[in-house]
Amino acid sequence: MRDLIGARDWLTVFILPAYAPELNAVEYLWANVKHSLANLASVALDRLEALVRNRLKRLQYRSDVLDGFLAGTGLSLDLPPPSP
């Protein structure tokens, strides 16, 4: 695994404890999505899927909110810019 990671200079890997949801930005993202669906009483699974996809799509364009999820973990946001 170290060889695979070392061969990709664009890849940043953070070693996290086995269970630490407070260090996982995805937990903040799902909490946000679940909060927006809190009072939903959907009877069809496909309707629920569509709503979740819609909420995730909205977040895709809210980089300030996504940055906040990362900041909540305490991880550094100083990543190198993507190469062209």
PDB file of N, CA and C in Angstrom:
ATOM      1  N   MET A   1       0.820  -1.170   0.000  1.00  0.00           N
ATOM      2  CA  MET A   1       0.000   0.000   0.000  1.00  0.00           C
ATOM      3  C   MET A   1       0.878   1.253   0.000  1.00  0.00           C
ATOM      4  N   ARG A   2       1.949   1.227   0.781  1.00  0.00           N
ATOM      5  CA  ARG A   2       2.849   2.388   0.814  1.00  0.00           C
ATOM      6  C   ARG A   2       3.429   2.673  -0.565  1.00  0.00           C
ATOM      7  N   ASP A   3       3.757   1.612  -1.327  1.00  0.00           N
ATOM      8  CA  ASP A   3       4.295   1.801  -2.677  1.00  0.00           C
ATOM      9  C   ASP A   3       3.266   2.458  -3.591  1.00  0.00           C
ATOM     10  N   LEU A   4       2.015   2.015  -3.486  1.00  0.00           N
ATOM     11  CA  LEU A   4       0.953   2.605  -4.301  1.00  0.00           C
ATOM     12  C   LEU A   4       0.751   4.080  -3.959  1.00  0.00           C
ATOM     13  N   ILE A   5       0.758   4.382  -2.679  1.00  0.00           N
ATOM     14  CA  ILE A   5       0.582   5.766  -2.242  1.00  0.00           C
ATOM     15  C   ILE A   5       1.784   6.606  -2.667  1.00  0.00           C
ATOM     16  N   GLY A   6       2.995   6.071  -2.481  1.00  0.00           N
ATOM     17  CA  GLY A   6       4.216   6.794  -2.824  1.00  0.00           C
ATOM     18  C   GLY A   6       4.342   7.085  -4.307  1.00  0.00           C
ATOM     19  N   ALA A   7       3.738   6.260  -5.135  1.00  0.00           N
ATOM     20  CA  ALA A   7       3.815   6.450  -6.582  1.00  0.00           C
ATOM     21  C   ALA A   7       2.879   7.548  -7.078  1.00  0.00           C
ATOM     22  N   ARG A   8       2.026   8.041  -6.213  1.00  0.00           N
ATOM     23  CA  ARG A   8       1.052   9.068  -6.604  1.00  0.00           C
ATOM     24  C   ARG A   8       1.282  10.329  -5.774  1.00  0.00           C
ATOM     25  N   ASP A   9       2.069  11.256  -6.305  1.00  0.00           N
ATOM     26  CA  ASP A   9       2.388  12.460  -5.545  1.00  0.00           C
ATOM     27  C   ASP A   9       1.193  13.384  -5.380  1.00  0.00           C
ATOM     28  N   TRP A  10       0.122  13.181  -6.131  1.00  0.00           N
ATOM     29  CA  TRP A  10      -1.086  13.997  -6.006  1.00  0.00           C
ATOM     30  C   TRP A  10      -1.972  13.507  -4.866  1.00  0.00           C
ATOM     31  N   LEU A  11      -1.676  12.339  -4.323  1.00  0.00           N
ATOM     32  CA  LEU A  11      -2.520  11.717  -3.313  1.00  0.00           C
ATOM     33  C   LEU A  11      -2.044  12.074  -1.909  1.00  0.00           C
ATOM     34  N   THR A  12      -2.968  12.548  -1.083  1.00  0.00           N
ATOM     35  CA  THR A  12      -2.677  12.826   0.313  1.00  0.00           C
ATOM     36  C   THR A  12      -3.453  11.828   1.159  1.00  0.00           C
ATOM     37  N   VAL A  13      -2.773  11.119   2.027  1.00  0.00           N
ATOM     38  CA  VAL A  13      -3.400  10.098   2.862  1.00  0.00           C
ATOM     39  C   VAL A  13      -3.277  10.514   4.322  1.00  0.00           C
ATOM     40  N   PHE A  14      -4.405  10.477   5.014  1.00  0.00           N
ATOM     41  CA  PHE A  14      -4.434  10.756   6.444  1.00  0.00           C
ATOM     42  C   PHE A  14      -4.721   9.447   7.162  1.00  0.00           C
ATOM     43  N   ILE A  15      -3.864   9.062   8.069  1.00  0.00           N
ATOM     44  CA  ILE A  15      -4.065   7.858   8.858  1.00  0.00           C
ATOM     45  C   ILE A  15      -4.949   8.230  10.048  1.00  0.00           C
ATOM     46  N   LEU A  16      -6.134   7.614  10.116  1.00  0.00           N
ATOM     47  CA  LEU A  16      -7.087   7.904  11.181  1.00  0.00           C
ATOM     48  C   LEU A  16      -7.186   6.718  12.133  1.00  0.00           C
ATOM     49  N   PRO A  17      -7.634   6.978  13.356  1.00  0.00           N
ATOM     50  CA  PRO A  17      -7.871   5.872  14.287  1.00  0.00           C
ATOM     51  C   PRO A  17      -8.941   4.932  13.730  1.00  0.00           C
ATOM     52  N   ALA A  18      -9.032   3.729  14.284  1.00  0.00           N
ATOM     53  CA  ALA A  18      -9.981   2.733  13.794  1.00  0.00           C
ATOM     54  C   ALA A  18     -11.418   3.254  13.803  1.00  0.00           C
ATOM     55  N   TYR A  19     -11.824   3.931  14.846  1.00  0.00           N
ATOM     56  CA  TYR A  19     -13.169   4.494  14.899  1.00  0.00           C
ATOM     57  C   TYR A  19     -13.090   5.889  15.487  1.00  0.00           C
ATOM     58  N   ALA A  20     -13.270   6.871  14.650  1.00  0.00           N
ATOM     59  CA  ALA A  20     -13.229   8.260  15.101  1.00  0.00           C
ATOM     60  C   ALA A  20     -14.131   9.096  14.193  1.00  0.00           C
ATOM     61  N   PRO A  21     -15.447   9.015  14.376  1.00  0.00           N
ATOM     62  CA  PRO A  21     -16.355   9.735  13.480  1.00  0.00           C
ATOM     63  C   PRO A  21     -16.136  11.246  13.484  1.00  0.00           C
ATOM     64  N   GLU A  22     -15.607  11.778  14.591  1.00  0.00           N
ATOM     65  CA  GLU A  22     -15.359  13.220  14.640  1.00  0.00           C
ATOM     66  C   GLU A  22     -14.216  13.639  13.721  1.00  0.00           C
ATOM     67  N   LEU A  23     -13.424  12.679  13.235  1.00  0.00           N
ATOM     68  CA  LEU A  23     -12.335  12.975  12.309  1.00  0.00           C
ATOM     69  C   LEU A  23     -12.701  12.639  10.863  1.00  0.00           C
ATOM     70  N   ASN A  24     -13.943  12.238  10.638  1.00  0.00           N
ATOM     71  CA  ASN A  24     -14.380  11.824   9.318  1.00  0.00           C
ATOM     72  C   ASN A  24     -15.344  12.860   8.756  1.00  0.00           C
ATOM     73  N   ALA A  25     -14.900  13.608   7.766  1.00  0.00           N
ATOM     74  CA  ALA A  25     -15.719  14.674   7.186  1.00  0.00           C
ATOM     75  C   ALA A  25     -17.004  14.129   6.574  1.00  0.00           C
ATOM     76  N   VAL A  26     -17.014  12.866   6.160  1.00  0.00           N
ATOM     77  CA  VAL A  26     -18.218  12.272   5.576  1.00  0.00           C
ATOM     78  C   VAL A  26     -19.334  12.197   6.613  1.00  0.00           C
ATOM     79  N   GLU A  27     -18.976  12.015   7.882  1.00  0.00           N
ATOM     80  CA  GLU A  27     -19.988  11.995   8.940  1.00  0.00           C
ATOM     81  C   GLU A  27     -20.713  13.343   9.012  1.00  0.00           C
ATOM     82  N   TYR A  28     -19.983  14.428   8.852  1.00  0.00           N
ATOM     83  CA  TYR A  28     -20.593  15.756   8.864  1.00  0.00           C
ATOM     84  C   TYR A  28     -21.499  15.938   7.642  1.00  0.00           C
ATOM     85  N   LEU A  29     -21.051  15.434   6.506  1.00  0.00           N
ATOM     86  CA  LEU A  29     -21.845  15.536   5.282  1.00  0.00           C
ATOM     87  C   LEU A  29     -23.168  14.784   5.446  1.00  0.00           C
ATOM     88  N   TRP A  30     -23.119  13.540   5.925  1.00  0.00           N
ATOM     89  CA  TRP A  30     -24.348  12.760   6.086  1.00  0.00           C
ATOM     90  C   TRP A  30     -25.247  13.350   7.158  1.00  0.00           C
ATOM     91  N   ALA A  31     -24.677  13.913   8.210  1.00  0.00           N
ATOM     92  CA  ALA A  31     -25.493  14.571   9.233  1.00  0.00           C
ATOM     93  C   ALA A  31     -26.259  15.731   8.618  1.00  0.00           C
ATOM     94  N   ASN A  32     -25.595  16.473   7.726  1.00  0.00           N
ATOM     95  CA  ASN A  32     -26.244  17.588   7.051  1.00  0.00           C
ATOM     96  C   ASN A  32     -27.380  17.096   6.160  1.00  0.00           C
ATOM     97  N   VAL A  33     -27.134  16.041   5.403  1.00  0.00           N
ATOM     98  CA  VAL A  33     -28.162  15.493   4.508  1.00  0.00           C
ATOM     99  C   VAL A  33     -29.325  14.944   5.326  1.00  0.00           C
ATOM    100  N   LYS A  34     -29.035  14.188   6.388  1.00  0.00           N
ATOM    101  CA  LYS A  34     -30.108  13.624   7.213  1.00  0.00           C
ATOM    102  C   LYS A  34     -30.936  14.722   7.867  1.00  0.00           C
ATOM    103  N   HIS A  35     -30.278  15.801   8.269  1.00  0.00           N
ATOM    104  CA  HIS A  35     -31.003  16.919   8.871  1.00  0.00           C
ATOM    105  C   HIS A  35     -31.992  17.525   7.879  1.00  0.00           C
ATOM    106  N   SER A  36     -31.600  17.608   6.612  1.00  0.00           N
ATOM    107  CA  SER A  36     -32.488  18.191   5.605  1.00  0.00           C
ATOM    108  C   SER A  36     -33.651  17.270   5.264  1.00  0.00           C
ATOM    109  N   LEU A  37     -33.549  15.989   5.649  1.00  0.00           N
ATOM    110  CA  LEU A  37     -34.614  15.024   5.390  1.00  0.00           C
ATOM    111  C   LEU A  37     -35.343  14.626   6.680  1.00  0.00           C
ATOM    112  N   ALA A  38     -35.165  15.383   7.751  1.00  0.00           N
ATOM    113  CA  ALA A  38     -35.610  14.980   9.083  1.00  0.00           C
ATOM    114  C   ALA A  38     -37.088  14.620   9.161  1.00  0.00           C
ATOM    115  N   ASN A  39     -37.953  15.399   8.608  1.00  0.00           N
ATOM    116  CA  ASN A  39     -39.393  15.166   8.747  1.00  0.00           C
ATOM    117  C   ASN A  39     -40.001  14.538   7.503  1.00  0.00           C
ATOM    118  N   LEU A  40     -39.189  13.840   6.765  1.00  0.00           N
ATOM    119  CA  LEU A  40     -39.656  13.216   5.539  1.00  0.00           C
ATOM    120  C   LEU A  40     -40.351  11.896   5.847  1.00  0.00           C
ATOM    121  N   ALA A  41     -41.512  11.700   5.262  1.00  0.00           N
ATOM    122  CA  ALA A  41     -42.227  10.429   5.381  1.00  0.00           C
ATOM    123  C   ALA A  41     -42.428   9.888   3.971  1.00  0.00           C
ATOM    124  N   SER A  42     -41.357   9.417   3.399  1.00  0.00           N
ATOM    125  CA  SER A  42     -41.400   8.924   2.025  1.00  0.00           C
ATOM    126  C   SER A  42     -41.826   7.460   2.025  1.00  0.00           C
ATOM    127  N   VAL A  43     -42.750   7.129   1.136  1.00  0.00           N
ATOM    128  CA  VAL A  43     -43.226   5.749   1.079  1.00  0.00           C
ATOM    129  C   VAL A  43     -42.480   4.943   0.018  1.00  0.00           C
ATOM    130  N   ALA A  44     -41.854   5.611  -0.912  1.00  0.00           N
ATOM    131  CA  ALA A  44     -41.171   4.906  -1.992  1.00  0.00           C
ATOM    132  C   ALA A  44     -39.664   5.097  -1.870  1.00  0.00           C
ATOM    133  N   LEU A  45     -38.947   3.999  -1.969  1.00  0.00           N
ATOM    134  CA  LEU A  45     -37.492   4.044  -1.853  1.00  0.00           C
ATOM    135  C   LEU A  45     -36.860   4.855  -2.979  1.00  0.00           C
ATOM    136  N   ASP A  46     -37.409   4.782  -4.186  1.00  0.00           N
ATOM    137  CA  ASP A  46     -36.853   5.548  -5.294  1.00  0.00           C
ATOM    138  C   ASP A  46     -37.027   7.049  -5.079  1.00  0.00           C
ATOM    139  N   ARG A  47     -38.105   7.446  -4.410  1.00  0.00           N
ATOM    140  CA  ARG A  47     -38.318   8.868  -4.096  1.00  0.00           C
ATOM    141  C   ARG A  47     -37.287   9.336  -3.067  1.00  0.00           C
ATOM    142  N   LEU A  48     -37.022   8.503  -2.059  1.00  0.00           N
ATOM    143  CA  LEU A  48     -36.010   8.833  -1.062  1.00  0.00           C
ATOM    144  C   LEU A  48     -34.638   8.948  -1.707  1.00  0.00           C
ATOM    145  N   GLU A  49     -34.329   8.015  -2.605  1.00  0.00           N
ATOM    146  CA  GLU A  49     -33.048   8.061  -3.311  1.00  0.00           C
ATOM    147  C   GLU A  49     -32.909   9.355  -4.102  1.00  0.00           C
ATOM    148  N   ALA A  50     -33.972   9.749  -4.784  1.00  0.00           N
ATOM    149  CA  ALA A  50     -33.944  10.987  -5.569  1.00  0.00           C
ATOM    150  C   ALA A  50     -33.708  12.201  -4.678  1.00  0.00           C
ATOM    151  N   LEU A  51     -34.338  12.227  -3.503  1.00  0.00           N
ATOM    152  CA  LEU A  51     -34.149  13.351  -2.584  1.00  0.00           C
ATOM    153  C   LEU A  51     -32.726  13.411  -2.044  1.00  0.00           C
ATOM    154  N   VAL A  52     -32.166  12.257  -1.697  1.00  0.00           N
ATOM    155  CA  VAL A  52     -30.788  12.231  -1.192  1.00  0.00           C
ATOM    156  C   VAL A  52     -29.825  12.689  -2.279  1.00  0.00           C
ATOM    157  N   ARG A  53     -30.027  12.197  -3.498  1.00  0.00           N
ATOM    158  CA  ARG A  53     -29.176  12.633  -4.611  1.00  0.00           C
ATOM    159  C   ARG A  53     -29.279  14.138  -4.827  1.00  0.00           C
ATOM    160  N   ASN A  54     -30.487  14.663  -4.710  1.00  0.00           N
ATOM    161  CA  ASN A  54     -30.708  16.102  -4.871  1.00  0.00           C
ATOM    162  C   ASN A  54     -29.952  16.892  -3.809  1.00  0.00           C
ATOM    163  N   ARG A  55     -30.013  16.434  -2.546  1.00  0.00           N
ATOM    164  CA  ARG A  55     -29.314  17.129  -1.461  1.00  0.00           C
ATOM    165  C   ARG A  55     -27.802  17.081  -1.665  1.00  0.00           C
ATOM    166  N   LEU A  56     -27.292  15.925  -2.100  1.00  0.00           N
ATOM    167  CA  LEU A  56     -25.856  15.803  -2.351  1.00  0.00           C
ATOM    168  C   LEU A  56     -25.429  16.687  -3.522  1.00  0.00           C
ATOM    169  N   LYS A  57     -26.251  16.758  -4.550  1.00  0.00           N
ATOM    170  CA  LYS A  57     -25.941  17.597  -5.714  1.00  0.00           C
ATOM    171  C   LYS A  57     -25.864  19.068  -5.303  1.00  0.00           C
ATOM    172  N   ARG A  58     -26.789  19.496  -4.443  1.00  0.00           N
ATOM    173  CA  ARG A  58     -26.759  20.877  -3.949  1.00  0.00           C
ATOM    174  C   ARG A  58     -25.459  21.169  -3.199  1.00  0.00           C
ATOM    175  N   LEU A  59     -25.049  20.213  -2.369  1.00  0.00           N
ATOM    176  CA  LEU A  59     -23.817  20.414  -1.597  1.00  0.00           C
ATOM    177  C   LEU A  59     -22.589  20.468  -2.490  1.00  0.00           C
ATOM    178  N   GLN A  60     -22.658  19.812  -3.629  1.00  0.00           N
ATOM    179  CA  GLN A  60     -21.522  19.786  -4.556  1.00  0.00           C
ATOM    180  C   GLN A  60     -21.097  21.199  -4.949  1.00  0.00           C
ATOM    181  N   TYR A  61     -22.040  22.107  -5.015  1.00  0.00           N
ATOM    182  CA  TYR A  61     -21.758  23.479  -5.429  1.00  0.00           C
ATOM    183  C   TYR A  61     -21.565  24.425  -4.245  1.00  0.00           C
ATOM    184  N   ARG A  62     -21.528  23.897  -3.037  1.00  0.00           N
ATOM    185  CA  ARG A  62     -21.344  24.712  -1.841  1.00  0.00           C
ATOM    186  C   ARG A  62     -19.993  24.405  -1.220  1.00  0.00           C
ATOM    187  N   SER A  63     -18.932  24.854  -1.875  1.00  0.00           N
ATOM    188  CA  SER A  63     -17.581  24.534  -1.393  1.00  0.00           C
ATOM    189  C   SER A  63     -17.332  25.091   0.006  1.00  0.00           C
ATOM    190  N   ASP A  64     -17.995  26.186   0.353  1.00  0.00           N
ATOM    191  CA  ASP A  64     -17.825  26.741   1.694  1.00  0.00           C
ATOM    192  C   ASP A  64     -18.353  25.776   2.754  1.00  0.00           C
ATOM    193  N   VAL A  65     -19.463  25.120   2.469  1.00  0.00           N
ATOM    194  CA  VAL A  65     -20.027  24.149   3.411  1.00  0.00           C
ATOM    195  C   VAL A  65     -19.137  22.910   3.488  1.00  0.00           C
ATOM    196  N   LEU A  66     -18.679  22.437   2.328  1.00  0.00           N
ATOM    197  CA  LEU A  66     -17.797  21.273   2.308  1.00  0.00           C
ATOM    198  C   LEU A  66     -16.485  21.556   3.042  1.00  0.00           C
ATOM    199  N   ASP A  67     -15.943  22.760   2.856  1.00  0.00           N
ATOM    200  CA  ASP A  67     -14.733  23.151   3.592  1.00  0.00           C
ATOM    201  C   ASP A  67     -14.999  23.158   5.096  1.00  0.00           C
ATOM    202  N   GLY A  68     -16.209  23.555   5.477  1.00  0.00           N
ATOM    203  CA  GLY A  68     -16.583  23.547   6.887  1.00  0.00           C
ATOM    204  C   GLY A  68     -16.600  22.147   7.464  1.00  0.00           C
ATOM    205  N   PHE A  69     -17.048  21.167   6.671  1.00  0.00           N
ATOM    206  CA  PHE A  69     -17.023  19.777   7.127  1.00  0.00           C
ATOM    207  C   PHE A  69     -15.589  19.336   7.396  1.00  0.00           C
ATOM    208  N   LEU A  70     -14.677  19.698   6.497  1.00  0.00           N
ATOM    209  CA  LEU A  70     -13.265  19.354   6.701  1.00  0.00           C
ATOM    210  C   LEU A  70     -12.686  20.095   7.905  1.00  0.00           C
ATOM    211  N   ALA A  71     -13.032  21.367   8.039  1.00  0.00           N
ATOM    212  CA  ALA A  71     -12.520  22.151   9.162  1.00  0.00           C
ATOM    213  C   ALA A  71     -13.005  21.572  10.489  1.00  0.00           C
ATOM    214  N   GLY A  72     -14.212  21.009  10.497  1.00  0.00           N
ATOM    215  CA  GLY A  72     -14.748  20.405  11.710  1.00  0.00           C
ATOM    216  C   GLY A  72     -13.927  19.227  12.191  1.00  0.00           C
ATOM    217  N   THR A  73     -13.197  18.593  11.299  1.00  0.00           N
ATOM    218  CA  THR A  73     -12.356  17.463  11.672  1.00  0.00           C
ATOM    219  C   THR A  73     -11.022  17.916  12.254  1.00  0.00           C
ATOM    220  N   GLY A  74     -10.647  19.165  11.990  1.00  0.00           N
ATOM    221  CA  GLY A  74      -9.352  19.656  12.440  1.00  0.00           C
ATOM    222  C   GLY A  74      -8.229  19.335  11.467  1.00  0.00           C
ATOM    223  N   LEU A  75      -8.569  18.684  10.346  1.00  0.00           N
ATOM    224  CA  LEU A  75      -7.547  18.375   9.347  1.00  0.00           C
ATOM    225  C   LEU A  75      -7.189  19.627   8.565  1.00  0.00           C
ATOM    226  N   SER A  76      -6.006  19.675   8.059  1.00  0.00           N
ATOM    227  CA  SER A  76      -5.532  20.832   7.316  1.00  0.00           C
ATOM    228  C   SER A  76      -6.225  20.933   5.965  1.00  0.00           C
ATOM    229  N   LEU A  77      -6.571  22.149   5.585  1.00  0.00           N
ATOM    230  CA  LEU A  77      -7.158  22.401   4.272  1.00  0.00           C
ATOM    231  C   LEU A  77      -6.109  22.871   3.277  1.00  0.00           C
ATOM    232  N   ASP A  78      -4.841  22.910   3.697  1.00  0.00           N
ATOM    233  CA  ASP A  78      -3.764  23.397   2.849  1.00  0.00           C
ATOM    234  C   ASP A  78      -3.261  22.288   1.939  1.00  0.00           C
ATOM    235  N   LEU A  79      -4.087  21.912   0.975  1.00  0.00           N
ATOM    236  CA  LEU A  79      -3.707  20.881   0.028  1.00  0.00           C
ATOM    237  C   LEU A  79      -3.086  21.531  -1.202  1.00  0.00           C
ATOM    238  N   PRO A  80      -2.194  20.854  -1.876  1.00  0.00           N
ATOM    239  CA  PRO A  80      -1.600  21.437  -3.086  1.00  0.00           C
ATOM    240  C   PRO A  80      -2.681  21.584  -4.162  1.00  0.00           C
ATOM    241  N   PRO A  81      -2.549  22.592  -5.027  1.00  0.00           N
ATOM    242  CA  PRO A  81      -3.541  22.769  -6.091  1.00  0.00           C
ATOM    243  C   PRO A  81      -3.479  21.589  -7.069  1.00  0.00           C
ATOM    244  N   PRO A  82      -4.630  21.257  -7.661  1.00  0.00           N
ATOM    245  CA  PRO A  82      -4.624  20.146  -8.623  1.00  0.00           C
ATOM    246  C   PRO A  82      -3.761  20.476  -9.829  1.00  0.00           C
ATOM    247  N   SER A  83      -3.078  19.476 -10.342  1.00  0.00           N
ATOM    248  CA  SER A  83      -2.254  19.710 -11.525  1.00  0.00           C
ATOM    249  C   SER A  83      -3.111  19.623 -12.774  1.00  0.00           C
ATOM    250  N   PRO A  84      -2.774  20.447 -13.788  1.00  0.00           N
ATOM    251  CA  PRO A  84      -3.610  20.493 -15.008  1.00  0.00           C
ATOM    252  C   PRO A  84      -3.546  19.244 -15.835  1.00  0.00           C
TER     253      PRO A  84
END
